[in-house]
C-alpha atoms as a PDB file:
ATOM      1  CA  UNK A   1      58.097-104.039   7.295  1.00  0.00           C
ATOM      2  CA  UNK A   2      54.786-102.996   9.544  1.00  0.00           C
ATOM      3  CA  UNK A   3      56.105 -99.364   9.596  1.00  0.00           C
ATOM      4  CA  UNK A   4      56.772 -99.232   5.894  1.00  0.00           C
ATOM      5  CA  UNK A   5      53.022-100.675   5.175  1.00  0.00           C
ATOM      6  CA  UNK A   6      51.788 -97.814   7.569  1.00  0.00           C
ATOM      7  CA  UNK A   7      53.448 -95.429   5.698  1.00  0.00           C
ATOM      8  CA  UNK A   8      52.080 -96.645   2.309  1.00  0.00           C
ATOM      9  CA  UNK A   9      48.810 -96.579   3.676  1.00  0.00           C
ATOM     10  CA  UNK A  10      48.922 -92.855   5.209  1.00  0.00           C
ATOM     11  CA  UNK A  11      50.498 -92.149   1.622  1.00  0.00           C
ATOM     12  CA  UNK A  12      47.630 -93.973  -0.186  1.00  0.00           C
ATOM     13  CA  UNK A  13      44.788 -93.343   1.977  1.00  0.00           C
ATOM     14  CA  UNK A  14      41.795 -91.479   0.555  1.00  0.00           C
ATOM     15  CA  UNK A  15      42.506 -87.905   0.730  1.00  0.00           C
ATOM     16  CA  UNK A  16      40.019 -85.088  -0.896  1.00  0.00           C
ATOM     17  CA  UNK A  17      38.524 -87.722  -3.172  1.00  0.00           C
ATOM     18  CA  UNK A  18      41.671 -89.470  -3.818  1.00  0.00           C
ATOM     19  CA  UNK A  19      41.924 -93.018  -4.976  1.00  0.00           C
ATOM     20  CA  UNK A  20      41.622 -95.955  -2.787  1.00  0.00           C
ATOM     21  CA  UNK A  21      43.587 -98.645  -2.667  1.00  0.00           C
ATOM     22  CA  UNK A  22      43.126-102.104  -0.630  1.00  0.00           C
ATOM     23  CA  UNK A  23      45.386-102.826   2.124  1.00  0.00           C
ATOM     24  CA  UNK A  24      46.284-106.126   0.461  1.00  0.00           C
ATOM     25  CA  UNK A  25      47.526-104.266  -2.358  1.00  0.00           C
ATOM     26  CA  UNK A  26      49.566-101.628  -0.217  1.00  0.00           C
ATOM     27  CA  UNK A  27      51.092-104.467   1.411  1.00  0.00           C
ATOM     28  CA  UNK A  28      52.190-105.871  -2.021  1.00  0.00           C
ATOM     29  CA  UNK A  29      53.512-102.502  -2.874  1.00  0.00           C
ATOM     30  CA  UNK A  30      55.735-102.324   0.315  1.00  0.00           C
ATOM     31  CA  UNK A  31      57.480-105.737  -0.595  1.00  0.00           C
ATOM     32  CA  UNK A  32      58.081-104.700  -3.738  1.00  0.00           C
ATOM     33  CA  UNK A  33      59.808-101.509  -3.113  1.00  0.00           C
ATOM     34  CA  UNK A  34      61.522-102.924  -0.500  1.00  0.00           C
ATOM     35  CA  UNK A  35      62.770-105.924  -2.725  1.00  0.00           C
ATOM     36  CA  UNK A  36      63.880-103.108  -5.420  1.00  0.00           C
ATOM     37  CA  UNK A  37      65.645-101.327  -2.708  1.00  0.00           C
ATOM     38  CA  UNK A  38      67.547-104.667  -2.136  1.00  0.00           C
ATOM     39  CA  UNK A  39      68.639-105.406  -5.720  1.00  0.00           C
ATOM     40  CA  UNK A  40      69.914-101.732  -6.275  1.00  0.00           C
ATOM     41  CA  UNK A  41      71.948-102.444  -2.807  1.00  0.00           C
ATOM     42  CA  UNK A  42      73.164-105.459  -3.778  1.00  0.00           C
ATOM     43  CA  UNK A  43      74.493-103.884  -7.434  1.00  0.00           C
ATOM     44  CA  UNK A  44      75.918-100.972  -5.765  1.00  0.00           C
ATOM     45  CA  UNK A  45      79.749-101.280  -5.154  1.00  0.00           C
ATOM     46  CA  UNK A  46      80.762-101.774  -1.483  1.00  0.00           C
ATOM     47  CA  UNK A  47      83.841-100.241   0.114  1.00  0.00           C
ATOM     48  CA  UNK A  48      86.641-102.562   1.398  1.00  0.00           C
ATOM     49  CA  UNK A  49      88.506-101.041   4.577  1.00  0.00           C
ATOM     50  CA  UNK A  50      91.923-100.332   4.093  1.00  0.00           C
ATOM     51  CA  UNK A  51      94.985-102.386   5.579  1.00  0.00           C
ATOM     52  CA  UNK A  52      96.955-100.843   7.795  1.00  0.00           C
ATOM     53  CA  UNK A  53     101.056-102.080   8.042  1.00  0.00           C
ATOM     54  CA  UNK A  54     103.656-100.557  10.526  1.00  0.00           C
ATOM     55  CA  UNK A  55     107.258-101.528  11.095  1.00  0.00           C
ATOM     56  CA  UNK A  56     110.426-100.242  12.824  1.00  0.00           C
ATOM     57  CA  UNK A  57     113.147 -99.063  10.166  1.00  0.00           C
ATOM     58  CA  UNK A  58     115.770 -97.985  12.572  1.00  0.00           C
ATOM     59  CA  UNK A  59     116.486 -97.463  16.762  1.00  0.00           C
ATOM     60  CA  UNK A  60     119.134 -94.926  17.660  1.00  0.00           C
ATOM     61  CA  UNK A  61     119.298 -94.543  21.341  1.00  0.00           C
ATOM     62  CA  UNK A  62     115.867 -93.434  22.462  1.00  0.00           C
ATOM     63  CA  UNK A  63     114.827 -92.248  18.826  1.00  0.00           C
ATOM     64  CA  UNK A  64     112.840 -94.739  16.486  1.00  0.00           C
ATOM     65  CA  UNK A  65     112.142 -94.301  12.600  1.00  0.00           C
ATOM     66  CA  UNK A  66     108.619 -95.828  11.626  1.00  0.00           C
ATOM     67  CA  UNK A  67     107.544 -96.973   8.381  1.00  0.00           C
ATOM     68  CA  UNK A  68     103.728 -97.441   7.011  1.00  0.00           C
ATOM     69  CA  UNK A  69     105.043 -99.249   4.023  1.00  0.00           C
ATOM     70  CA  UNK A  70     102.812-101.884   2.952  1.00  0.00           C
ATOM     71  CA  UNK A  71      99.408 -99.599   3.887  1.00  0.00           C
ATOM     72  CA  UNK A  72      97.061 -99.695   1.468  1.00  0.00           C
ATOM     73  CA  UNK A  73      93.360 -99.487   0.245  1.00  0.00           C
ATOM     74  CA  UNK A  74      92.056-102.434  -2.223  1.00  0.00           C
ATOM     75  CA  UNK A  75      89.455-100.029  -3.962  1.00  0.00           C
ATOM     76  CA  UNK A  76      90.756 -96.671  -3.094  1.00  0.00           C
ATOM     77  CA  UNK A  77      93.445 -94.816  -1.596  1.00  0.00           C
ATOM     78  CA  UNK A  78      94.656 -93.920   2.108  1.00  0.00           C
ATOM     79  CA  UNK A  79      93.884 -90.073   2.645  1.00  0.00           C
ATOM     80  CA  UNK A  80      95.342 -90.278   6.340  1.00  0.00           C
ATOM     81  CA  UNK A  81      97.943 -91.543   8.785  1.00  0.00           C
ATOM     82  CA  UNK A  82      97.533 -91.509  12.805  1.00  0.00           C
ATOM     83  CA  UNK A  83     100.293 -92.958  14.663  1.00  0.00           C
ATOM     84  CA  UNK A  84      99.843 -93.131  18.633  1.00  0.00           C
ATOM     85  CA  UNK A  85     103.253 -93.623  20.057  1.00  0.00           C
ATOM     86  CA  UNK A  86     102.046 -95.212  23.375  1.00  0.00           C
ATOM     87  CA  UNK A  87     103.408 -92.202  25.349  1.00  0.00           C
ATOM     88  CA  UNK A  88     100.931 -89.406  24.729  1.00  0.00           C
ATOM     89  CA  UNK A  89     102.811 -88.278  21.521  1.00  0.00           C
ATOM     90  CA  UNK A  90     101.202 -88.729  18.264  1.00  0.00           C
ATOM     91  CA  UNK A  91     102.136 -87.871  14.541  1.00  0.00           C
ATOM     92  CA  UNK A  92     100.167 -87.707  11.232  1.00  0.00           C
ATOM     93  CA  UNK A  93     103.358 -88.443   8.927  1.00  0.00           C
ATOM     94  CA  UNK A  94     103.624 -91.259   7.144  1.00  0.00           C
ATOM     95  CA  UNK A  95     106.789 -92.571   8.108  1.00  0.00           C
ATOM     96  CA  UNK A  96     107.628 -90.250  11.453  1.00  0.00           C
ATOM     97  CA  UNK A  97     110.732 -90.411  13.754  1.00  0.00           C
ATOM     98  CA  UNK A  98     109.772 -90.103  17.519  1.00  0.00           C
ATOM     99  CA  UNK A  99     112.335 -89.653  20.495  1.00  0.00           C
ATOM    100  CA  UNK A 100     110.877 -91.208  23.506  1.00  0.00           C
ATOM    101  CA  UNK A 101     111.416 -89.957  27.569  1.00  0.00           C
ATOM    102  CA  UNK A 102     112.955 -92.959  28.690  1.00  0.00           C
ATOM    103  CA  UNK A 103     113.442 -96.948  28.044  1.00  0.00           C
ATOM    104  CA  UNK A 104     110.212 -98.880  28.402  1.00  0.00           C
ATOM    105  CA  UNK A 105     107.643-100.830  26.810  1.00  0.00           C
ATOM    106  CA  UNK A 106     105.744 -99.069  24.615  1.00  0.00           C
ATOM    107  CA  UNK A 107     102.592-100.020  22.246  1.00  0.00           C
ATOM    108  CA  UNK A 108     102.474 -97.987  19.218  1.00  0.00           C
ATOM    109  CA  UNK A 109      99.221 -97.727  17.180  1.00  0.00           C
ATOM    110  CA  UNK A 110      98.874 -96.933  13.280  1.00  0.00           C
ATOM    111  CA  UNK A 111      95.664 -95.929  11.983  1.00  0.00           C
ATOM    112  CA  UNK A 112      95.138 -95.333   8.503  1.00  0.00           C
ATOM    113  CA  UNK A 113      91.775 -93.932   6.943  1.00  0.00           C
ATOM    114  CA  UNK A 114      90.943 -94.424   3.577  1.00  0.00           C
ATOM    115  CA  UNK A 115      88.763 -91.935   0.677  1.00  0.00           C
ATOM    116  CA  UNK A 116      85.596 -93.341   2.104  1.00  0.00           C
ATOM    117  CA  UNK A 117      85.924 -92.955   5.694  1.00  0.00           C
ATOM    118  CA  UNK A 118      86.885 -96.545   6.533  1.00  0.00           C
ATOM    119  CA  UNK A 119      89.910 -97.131   8.976  1.00  0.00           C
ATOM    120  CA  UNK A 120      92.223-100.070  10.195  1.00  0.00           C
ATOM    121  CA  UNK A 121      94.887-100.483  12.897  1.00  0.00           C
ATOM    122  CA  UNK A 122      98.233-101.719  13.114  1.00  0.00           C
ATOM    123  CA  UNK A 123      99.898-102.467  16.703  1.00  0.00           C
ATOM    124  CA  UNK A 124     103.652-102.943  16.995  1.00  0.00           C
ATOM    125  CA  UNK A 125     105.358-103.097  20.566  1.00  0.00           C
ATOM    126  CA  UNK A 126     108.455-100.953  20.558  1.00  0.00           C
ATOM    127  CA  UNK A 127     110.756-102.072  23.285  1.00  0.00           C
ATOM    128  CA  UNK A 128     113.410 -99.769  24.419  1.00  0.00           C
ATOM    129  CA  UNK A 129     116.271-101.869  26.357  1.00  0.00           C
ATOM    130  CA  UNK A 130     119.311-100.503  28.055  1.00  0.00           C
ATOM    131  CA  UNK A 131     122.306-100.198  25.601  1.00  0.00           C
ATOM    132  CA  UNK A 132     124.933-102.326  25.930  1.00  0.00           C
ATOM    133  CA  UNK A 133     128.182-101.484  24.632  1.00  0.00           C
ATOM    134  CA  UNK A 134     132.103-102.217  24.431  1.00  0.00           C
ATOM    135  CA  UNK A 135     134.444-100.450  25.516  1.00  0.00           C
ATOM    136  CA  UNK A 136     138.261-100.973  24.446  1.00  0.00           C
ATOM    137  CA  UNK A 137     141.290 -99.348  26.304  1.00  0.00           C
ATOM    138  CA  UNK A 138     144.916 -99.853  26.532  1.00  0.00           C
ATOM    139  CA  UNK A 139     145.708-100.397  29.943  1.00  0.00           C
ATOM    140  CA  UNK A 140     149.633-101.153  29.949  1.00  0.00           C
ATOM    141  CA  UNK A 141     152.169 -99.918  27.177  1.00  0.00           C
ATOM    142  CA  UNK A 142     155.833-100.774  27.938  1.00  0.00           C
ATOM    143  CA  UNK A 143     159.032-100.800  25.861  1.00  0.00           C
ATOM    144  CA  UNK A 144     161.752-103.650  25.588  1.00  0.00           C
ATOM    145  CA  UNK A 145     165.175-103.526  23.815  1.00  0.00           C
ATOM    146  CA  UNK A 146     166.545-106.623  22.802  1.00  0.00           C
ATOM    147  CA  UNK A 147     169.634-105.180  20.662  1.00  0.00           C
ATOM    148  CA  UNK A 148     169.750-102.793  18.262  1.00  0.00           C
ATOM    149  CA  UNK A 149     167.215-103.882  15.423  1.00  0.00           C
ATOM    150  CA  UNK A 150     164.913-105.658  18.029  1.00  0.00           C
ATOM    151  CA  UNK A 151     163.349-103.094  20.140  1.00  0.00           C
ATOM    152  CA  UNK A 152     159.673-103.231  20.117  1.00  0.00           C
ATOM    153  CA  UNK A 153     156.720-101.291  22.045  1.00  0.00           C
ATOM    154  CA  UNK A 154     154.250-103.701  23.778  1.00  0.00           C
ATOM    155  CA  UNK A 155     150.743-103.051  24.974  1.00  0.00           C
ATOM    156  CA  UNK A 156     147.590-104.739  26.346  1.00  0.00           C
ATOM    157  CA  UNK A 157     144.047-104.138  25.483  1.00  0.00           C
ATOM    158  CA  UNK A 158     140.730-104.416  27.540  1.00  0.00           C
ATOM    159  CA  UNK A 159     137.530-104.371  26.757  1.00  0.00           C
ATOM    160  CA  UNK A 160     135.698-102.715  29.812  1.00  0.00           C
ATOM    161  CA  UNK A 161     132.687-102.503  28.180  1.00  0.00           C
ATOM    162  CA  UNK A 162     129.359-104.523  28.655  1.00  0.00           C
ATOM    163  CA  UNK A 163     129.027-106.348  24.922  1.00  0.00           C
ATOM    164  CA  UNK A 164     131.709-108.566  23.188  1.00  0.00           C
ATOM    165  CA  UNK A 165     134.279-107.011  21.095  1.00  0.00           C
ATOM    166  CA  UNK A 166     134.772-108.199  17.621  1.00  0.00           C
ATOM    167  CA  UNK A 167     138.323-108.025  16.191  1.00  0.00           C
ATOM    168  CA  UNK A 168     139.978-104.867  16.244  1.00  0.00           C
ATOM    169  CA  UNK A 169     142.992-102.728  15.277  1.00  0.00           C
ATOM    170  CA  UNK A 170     145.354-100.980  17.694  1.00  0.00           C
ATOM    171  CA  UNK A 171     147.371 -98.278  16.012  1.00  0.00           C
ATOM    172  CA  UNK A 172     150.922 -96.468  17.024  1.00  0.00           C
ATOM    173  CA  UNK A 173     150.992 -92.720  16.376  1.00  0.00           C
ATOM    174  CA  UNK A 174     154.238 -90.889  16.674  1.00  0.00           C
ATOM    175  CA  UNK A 175     153.555 -88.004  18.834  1.00  0.00           C
ATOM    176  CA  UNK A 176     151.008 -86.366  21.333  1.00  0.00           C
ATOM    177  CA  UNK A 177     147.835 -86.597  19.152  1.00  0.00           C
ATOM    178  CA  UNK A 178     146.169 -88.725  16.361  1.00  0.00           C
ATOM    179  CA  UNK A 179     145.424 -85.787  14.846  1.00  0.00           C
ATOM    180  CA  UNK A 180     147.371 -84.768  11.465  1.00  0.00           C
ATOM    181  CA  UNK A 181     150.437 -86.954  12.963  1.00  0.00           C
ATOM    182  CA  UNK A 182     152.172 -89.892  11.732  1.00  0.00           C
ATOM    183  CA  UNK A 183     150.478 -93.488  12.111  1.00  0.00           C
ATOM    184  CA  UNK A 184     153.516 -95.675  12.403  1.00  0.00           C
ATOM    185  CA  UNK A 185     151.695 -98.927  12.377  1.00  0.00           C
ATOM    186  CA  UNK A 186     148.788-101.457  13.201  1.00  0.00           C
ATOM    187  CA  UNK A 187     147.957-104.598  14.840  1.00  0.00           C
ATOM    188  CA  UNK A 188     145.380-106.586  14.944  1.00  0.00           C
ATOM    189  CA  UNK A 189     143.620-108.492  17.857  1.00  0.00           C
ATOM    190  CA  UNK A 190     140.892-110.996  18.010  1.00  0.00           C
ATOM    191  CA  UNK A 191     137.578-111.117  20.215  1.00  0.00           C
ATOM    192  CA  UNK A 192     137.136-109.741  23.596  1.00  0.00           C
ATOM    193  CA  UNK A 193     134.830-110.629  25.844  1.00  0.00           C
ATOM    194  CA  UNK A 194     133.608-108.209  28.749  1.00  0.00           C
ATOM    195  CA  UNK A 195     136.452-108.066  31.404  1.00  0.00           C
ATOM    196  CA  UNK A 196     138.954-110.101  28.492  1.00  0.00           C
ATOM    197  CA  UNK A 197     142.392-108.607  27.712  1.00  0.00           C
ATOM    198  CA  UNK A 198     144.864-109.430  25.171  1.00  0.00           C
ATOM    199  CA  UNK A 199     148.740-107.902  24.261  1.00  0.00           C
ATOM    200  CA  UNK A 200     150.241-107.176  20.969  1.00  0.00           C
ATOM    201  CA  UNK A 201     153.750-105.548  20.229  1.00  0.00           C
ATOM    202  CA  UNK A 202     155.079-103.023  17.441  1.00  0.00           C
ATOM    203  CA  UNK A 203     158.403-102.866  15.939  1.00  0.00           C
ATOM    204  CA  UNK A 204     159.916 -99.900  17.442  1.00  0.00           C
ATOM    205  CA  UNK A 205     160.717 -96.622  15.459  1.00  0.00           C
ATOM    206  CA  UNK A 206     163.528 -94.924  17.383  1.00  0.00           C
ATOM    207  CA  UNK A 207     164.609 -91.281  17.476  1.00  0.00           C
ATOM    208  CA  UNK A 208     167.863 -89.651  18.642  1.00  0.00           C
ATOM    209  CA  UNK A 209     169.991 -90.651  21.342  1.00  0.00           C
ATOM    210  CA  UNK A 210     168.833 -89.496  24.997  1.00  0.00           C
ATOM    211  CA  UNK A 211     165.900 -87.805  23.550  1.00  0.00           C
ATOM    212  CA  UNK A 212     162.555 -87.916  24.793  1.00  0.00           C
ATOM    213  CA  UNK A 213     160.546 -90.188  22.616  1.00  0.00           C
ATOM    214  CA  UNK A 214     156.591 -89.584  22.959  1.00  0.00           C
ATOM    215  CA  UNK A 215     154.642 -92.585  20.928  1.00  0.00           C
ATOM    216  CA  UNK A 216     150.482 -92.565  20.998  1.00  0.00           C
ATOM    217  CA  UNK A 217     148.962 -96.201  21.385  1.00  0.00           C
ATOM    218  CA  UNK A 218     145.026 -96.155  20.817  1.00  0.00           C
ATOM    219  CA  UNK A 219     143.001 -98.960  20.908  1.00  0.00           C
ATOM    220  CA  UNK A 220     140.400 -97.858  18.536  1.00  0.00           C
ATOM    221  CA  UNK A 221     142.501 -94.743  17.156  1.00  0.00           C
ATOM    222  CA  UNK A 222     140.114 -93.817  14.260  1.00  0.00           C
ATOM    223  CA  UNK A 223     136.942 -94.824  15.851  1.00  0.00           C
ATOM    224  CA  UNK A 224     135.902 -97.612  13.588  1.00  0.00           C
ATOM    225  CA  UNK A 225     134.084 -99.035  16.549  1.00  0.00           C
ATOM    226  CA  UNK A 226     130.926 -97.769  18.277  1.00  0.00           C
ATOM    227  CA  UNK A 227     132.023 -97.691  22.120  1.00  0.00           C
ATOM    228  CA  UNK A 228     130.418 -96.536  25.756  1.00  0.00           C
ATOM    229  CA  UNK A 229     133.402 -94.210  25.885  1.00  0.00           C
ATOM    230  CA  UNK A 230     135.123 -92.681  22.976  1.00  0.00           C
ATOM    231  CA  UNK A 231     137.825 -90.495  24.764  1.00  0.00           C
ATOM    232  CA  UNK A 232     139.540 -93.057  26.872  1.00  0.00           C
ATOM    233  CA  UNK A 233     140.968 -95.373  23.694  1.00  0.00           C
ATOM    234  CA  UNK A 234     144.782 -93.819  23.540  1.00  0.00           C
ATOM    235  CA  UNK A 235     147.927 -94.285  26.353  1.00  0.00           C
ATOM    236  CA  UNK A 236     150.901 -91.685  25.509  1.00  0.00           C
ATOM    237  CA  UNK A 237     154.331 -93.439  26.293  1.00  0.00           C
ATOM    238  CA  UNK A 238     157.167 -91.594  26.764  1.00  0.00           C
ATOM    239  CA  UNK A 239     160.953 -92.270  27.397  1.00  0.00           C
ATOM    240  CA  UNK A 240     164.316 -91.973  26.298  1.00  0.00           C
ATOM    241  CA  UNK A 241     165.531 -93.512  22.993  1.00  0.00           C
ATOM    242  CA  UNK A 242     168.531 -94.915  21.887  1.00  0.00           C
ATOM    243  CA  UNK A 243     169.019 -94.302  18.000  1.00  0.00           C
ATOM    244  CA  UNK A 244     170.221 -91.194  16.297  1.00  0.00           C
ATOM    245  CA  UNK A 245     167.748 -91.165  13.810  1.00  0.00           C
ATOM    246  CA  UNK A 246     163.973 -92.204  12.904  1.00  0.00           C
ATOM    247  CA  UNK A 247     163.838 -95.577  11.113  1.00  0.00           C
ATOM    248  CA  UNK A 248     160.833 -96.048   8.866  1.00  0.00           C
ATOM    249  CA  UNK A 249     160.253 -99.712   7.491  1.00  0.00           C
ATOM    250  CA  UNK A 250     159.202 -99.643   3.901  1.00  0.00           C
ATOM    251  CA  UNK A 251     156.321-101.416   4.598  1.00  0.00           C
ATOM    252  CA  UNK A 252     154.745 -98.681   6.593  1.00  0.00           C
ATOM    253  CA  UNK A 253     154.303 -95.323   5.016  1.00  0.00           C
ATOM    254  CA  UNK A 254     153.837 -92.007   7.236  1.00  0.00           C
ATOM    255  CA  UNK A 255     150.609 -90.815   6.628  1.00  0.00           C
ATOM    256  CA  UNK A 256     148.559 -88.141   8.199  1.00  0.00           C
ATOM    257  CA  UNK A 257     145.435 -88.806   9.641  1.00  0.00           C
ATOM    258  CA  UNK A 258     141.820 -87.061   8.935  1.00  0.00           C
ATOM    259  CA  UNK A 259     140.940 -84.640  11.421  1.00  0.00           C
ATOM    260  CA  UNK A 260     138.686 -85.899  13.983  1.00  0.00           C
ATOM    261  CA  UNK A 261     137.786 -85.961  17.784  1.00  0.00           C
ATOM    262  CA  UNK A 262     140.900 -86.208  19.886  1.00  0.00           C
ATOM    263  CA  UNK A 263     140.747 -88.460  22.138  1.00  0.00           C
ATOM    264  CA  UNK A 264     142.141 -87.837  26.157  1.00  0.00           C
ATOM    265  CA  UNK A 265     145.328 -89.141  26.943  1.00  0.00           C
ATOM    266  CA  UNK A 266     146.513 -90.953  30.067  1.00  0.00           C
ATOM    267  CA  UNK A 267     150.367 -91.010  30.474  1.00  0.00           C
ATOM    268  CA  UNK A 268     152.263 -94.531  30.945  1.00  0.00           C
ATOM    269  CA  UNK A 269     155.909 -94.364  31.927  1.00  0.00           C
ATOM    270  CA  UNK A 270     158.387 -97.307  31.738  1.00  0.00           C
END
């Protein structure tokens, strides 16, 4: 107030015959000008800051997908997004994805700026823990003959991973590879905790007498379940069979599999 009064005094001070204003009038003028400025400022619309919102959309290994959905500006629009991923990397995309260098705890900050320059931040904690997966393997395969029509193939399936396995299907194929081969049957196994195993069996489908028969037993032959090791699912079993020709149960139609990854094989002999 005092500085403004001094300025008005300088403006209205007699200069080259200019008009004289008493100091009390100068003070009243300064008060009036300030009041008018306050009224004008109050009537002018003020800018409301934007509201930032960040979230994790998906995680795959060390790669994380982020989203800024929910961020908005109540009286304008957002003009820029700035992500700090907590490991020295940044992005200006609204919905970026970022691959981290290792498993750790990261603080991610999203800063949004509106069309008037106001900003807002949102912080999320990203914790990348070691991924634990199940691992289903066939540990044993054996053949048992009970008579002409009662021969069966038995197997034992074990979960050697670190996570619980839900109900799964075991597949039996004719041949060496489950690629474009005949799937003879499938058997359902219940939940398996890490280290647990369960046995199952298939009806035997026989070939000619004194010929070597090759059957492939796969813990997850069609790769329906995500495992820590996808290449140890199958065991190849071979032995001399008893009957003169293949016998296909009417309930199981031979079918070709879609091309896919060929699992490695371990040979189990009776």
